[in-house]
Structures are given as C-alpha cells and as structure tokens.
Amino acid sequence: VTMEPAAVTLTAIGATSQLTLVARDADGAVLNVTGIPVTWSTGTASVATVSGTGLVTAVGAGTSVITATSELFPGETRTATVTVDLSAVATQ
C-alpha cells in the first residue's frame, strides 16, 4: 500500500490536492480497497489541513507531513510531504 502522491507542493492559500492510498497485488495490479476506513492526520495544521477523505488544503507557508493509518496496513503508517510555497505569489 502506497500513498499517492508521496509529495505535493501547493502555491496558494486554499489550494488543494487529493491524497489516496493505493494497494497493489504481487503483480502490481491495483486492488479495490473502497470502503476500508482510513484515518488522516496532519503534522502541522498551520501549514496544511487534511479532510477525512484525504483532501489536503494549504493554510500557510511551510512543510507538513500528512499521515494515514488503516487496517490495510495494521500497526504502520503511510505519509506524504506537503510543501506550501507562497514565493510565487505576486505582490503589488
């Protein structure tokens, strides 16, 4: 089971990105894991929040690690790094 994408860069407050867990069998085929509960959490809520469905929203500049736990991988976690980079925002 992997988190996809494993890294996200958002460039505006309020920008979003969808994280998902992808399970594959030994041959690499994607398995249907719809309906298996996932718990999402953010390491730094002042940078990015995450909904119960894995939708990440930029809140402020910086980096946060989003963590997912599930019975798909008992006792383990999957993570994605979210960077909110506001340096490209035009100033007047």
C-alpha atoms as a PDB file:
ATOM      1  CA  VAL A   1       0.000   0.000   0.000  1.00  0.00           C
ATOM      2  CA  THR A   2       1.430   3.361  -1.003  1.00  0.00           C
ATOM      3  CA  MET A   3       0.370   6.967  -0.551  1.00  0.00           C
ATOM      4  CA  GLU A   4      -0.035   8.790  -3.834  1.00  0.00           C
ATOM      5  CA  PRO A   5       1.302  11.289  -4.449  1.00  0.00           C
ATOM      6  CA  ALA A   6       4.123  10.978  -1.898  1.00  0.00           C
ATOM      7  CA  ALA A   7       4.966  14.687  -2.166  1.00  0.00           C
ATOM      8  CA  VAL A   8       2.820  17.706  -3.022  1.00  0.00           C
ATOM      9  CA  THR A   9       3.651  21.379  -3.491  1.00  0.00           C
ATOM     10  CA  LEU A  10       0.823  23.882  -3.187  1.00  0.00           C
ATOM     11  CA  THR A  11       1.396  27.513  -4.192  1.00  0.00           C
ATOM     12  CA  ALA A  12      -1.604  29.361  -2.783  1.00  0.00           C
ATOM     13  CA  ILE A  13      -3.574  29.510   0.455  1.00  0.00           C
ATOM     14  CA  GLY A  14      -6.695  27.428  -0.072  1.00  0.00           C
ATOM     15  CA  ALA A  15      -5.142  25.315  -2.840  1.00  0.00           C
ATOM     16  CA  THR A  16      -5.962  21.619  -2.540  1.00  0.00           C
ATOM     17  CA  SER A  17      -4.598  18.235  -3.534  1.00  0.00           C
ATOM     18  CA  GLN A  18      -6.162  14.794  -3.157  1.00  0.00           C
ATOM     19  CA  LEU A  19      -4.099  12.087  -1.470  1.00  0.00           C
ATOM     20  CA  THR A  20      -5.062   8.446  -1.897  1.00  0.00           C
ATOM     21  CA  LEU A  21      -3.886   5.071  -0.708  1.00  0.00           C
ATOM     22  CA  VAL A  22      -3.206   2.616  -3.497  1.00  0.00           C
ATOM     23  CA  ALA A  23      -2.986  -1.115  -2.790  1.00  0.00           C
ATOM     24  CA  ARG A  24      -1.384  -3.425  -5.339  1.00  0.00           C
ATOM     25  CA  ASP A  25      -1.074  -7.194  -5.528  1.00  0.00           C
ATOM     26  CA  ALA A  26       2.220  -9.029  -6.112  1.00  0.00           C
ATOM     27  CA  ASP A  27       1.895  -8.465  -9.861  1.00  0.00           C
ATOM     28  CA  GLY A  28       1.381  -4.720  -9.442  1.00  0.00           C
ATOM     29  CA  ALA A  29      -2.334  -4.724 -10.253  1.00  0.00           C
ATOM     30  CA  VAL A  30      -4.355  -2.149  -8.303  1.00  0.00           C
ATOM     31  CA  LEU A  31      -6.705  -3.694  -5.738  1.00  0.00           C
ATOM     32  CA  ASN A  32     -10.121  -2.291  -4.903  1.00  0.00           C
ATOM     33  CA  VAL A  33      -9.951  -1.108  -1.296  1.00  0.00           C
ATOM     34  CA  THR A  34     -13.072   1.052  -1.399  1.00  0.00           C
ATOM     35  CA  GLY A  35     -14.847   1.073   1.931  1.00  0.00           C
ATOM     36  CA  ILE A  36     -11.826   0.279   4.111  1.00  0.00           C
ATOM     37  CA  PRO A  37     -11.588   3.093   6.668  1.00  0.00           C
ATOM     38  CA  VAL A  38      -8.574   5.402   6.638  1.00  0.00           C
ATOM     39  CA  THR A  39      -7.663   7.893   9.359  1.00  0.00           C
ATOM     40  CA  TRP A  40      -5.879  11.001   8.089  1.00  0.00           C
ATOM     41  CA  SER A  41      -3.878  13.490  10.172  1.00  0.00           C
ATOM     42  CA  THR A  42      -1.593  16.462   9.619  1.00  0.00           C
ATOM     43  CA  GLY A  43       1.706  17.082  11.324  1.00  0.00           C
ATOM     44  CA  THR A  44       1.456  20.874  11.109  1.00  0.00           C
ATOM     45  CA  ALA A  45      -2.091  22.222  10.935  1.00  0.00           C
ATOM     46  CA  SER A  46      -0.813  25.782  10.451  1.00  0.00           C
ATOM     47  CA  VAL A  47       0.620  24.682   7.080  1.00  0.00           C
ATOM     48  CA  ALA A  48      -1.914  22.177   5.745  1.00  0.00           C
ATOM     49  CA  THR A  49      -5.099  20.508   6.873  1.00  0.00           C
ATOM     50  CA  VAL A  50      -6.432  17.168   5.681  1.00  0.00           C
ATOM     51  CA  SER A  51     -10.035  16.021   5.478  1.00  0.00           C
ATOM     52  CA  GLY A  52     -11.402  12.600   6.353  1.00  0.00           C
ATOM     53  CA  THR A  53     -11.143  11.690   2.676  1.00  0.00           C
ATOM     54  CA  GLY A  54      -7.504  12.756   2.195  1.00  0.00           C
ATOM     55  CA  LEU A  55      -8.105  16.171   0.643  1.00  0.00           C
ATOM     56  CA  VAL A  56      -5.226  18.448   1.661  1.00  0.00           C
ATOM     57  CA  THR A  57      -5.749  22.216   1.896  1.00  0.00           C
ATOM     58  CA  ALA A  58      -2.950  24.788   2.130  1.00  0.00           C
ATOM     59  CA  VAL A  59      -3.255  27.048   5.188  1.00  0.00           C
ATOM     60  CA  GLY A  60       0.157  28.722   5.474  1.00  0.00           C
ATOM     61  CA  ALA A  61       3.737  28.571   4.206  1.00  0.00           C
ATOM     62  CA  GLY A  62       5.930  25.670   5.258  1.00  0.00           C
ATOM     63  CA  THR A  63       6.024  21.892   5.227  1.00  0.00           C
ATOM     64  CA  SER A  64       3.739  19.349   6.841  1.00  0.00           C
ATOM     65  CA  VAL A  65       3.678  15.565   6.859  1.00  0.00           C
ATOM     66  CA  ILE A  66       0.267  14.038   6.236  1.00  0.00           C
ATOM     67  CA  THR A  67      -0.180  10.605   7.827  1.00  0.00           C
ATOM     68  CA  ALA A  68      -2.652   7.853   7.004  1.00  0.00           C
ATOM     69  CA  THR A  69      -3.434   4.817   9.138  1.00  0.00           C
ATOM     70  CA  SER A  70      -5.711   1.958   8.127  1.00  0.00           C
ATOM     71  CA  GLU A  71      -6.427  -1.707   8.695  1.00  0.00           C
ATOM     72  CA  LEU A  72      -4.902  -2.133   5.216  1.00  0.00           C
ATOM     73  CA  PHE A  73      -1.503  -1.947   6.966  1.00  0.00           C
ATOM     74  CA  PRO A  74      -2.058  -2.653  10.688  1.00  0.00           C
ATOM     75  CA  GLY A  75       0.430  -1.018  13.019  1.00  0.00           C
ATOM     76  CA  GLU A  76       2.029   1.008  10.219  1.00  0.00           C
ATOM     77  CA  THR A  77       1.505   4.421   8.661  1.00  0.00           C
ATOM     78  CA  ARG A  78       1.836   5.913   5.201  1.00  0.00           C
ATOM     79  CA  THR A  79       2.951   9.511   4.739  1.00  0.00           C
ATOM     80  CA  ALA A  80       3.105  12.296   2.191  1.00  0.00           C
ATOM     81  CA  THR A  81       5.056  15.527   2.473  1.00  0.00           C
ATOM     82  CA  VAL A  82       3.110  18.677   1.689  1.00  0.00           C
ATOM     83  CA  THR A  83       5.005  21.886   0.975  1.00  0.00           C
ATOM     84  CA  VAL A  84       3.155  25.176   0.801  1.00  0.00           C
ATOM     85  CA  ASP A  85       5.375  27.543  -1.182  1.00  0.00           C
ATOM     86  CA  LEU A  86       3.938  31.031  -1.449  1.00  0.00           C
ATOM     87  CA  SER A  87       7.067  32.583  -3.005  1.00  0.00           C
ATOM     88  CA  ALA A  88       5.495  32.570  -6.474  1.00  0.00           C
ATOM     89  CA  VAL A  89       2.582  34.710  -5.282  1.00  0.00           C
ATOM     90  CA  ALA A  90       2.732  38.105  -6.971  1.00  0.00           C
ATOM     91  CA  THR A  91       2.918  41.131  -4.717  1.00  0.00           C
ATOM     92  CA  GLN A  92       1.869  44.641  -5.633  1.00  0.00           C
END
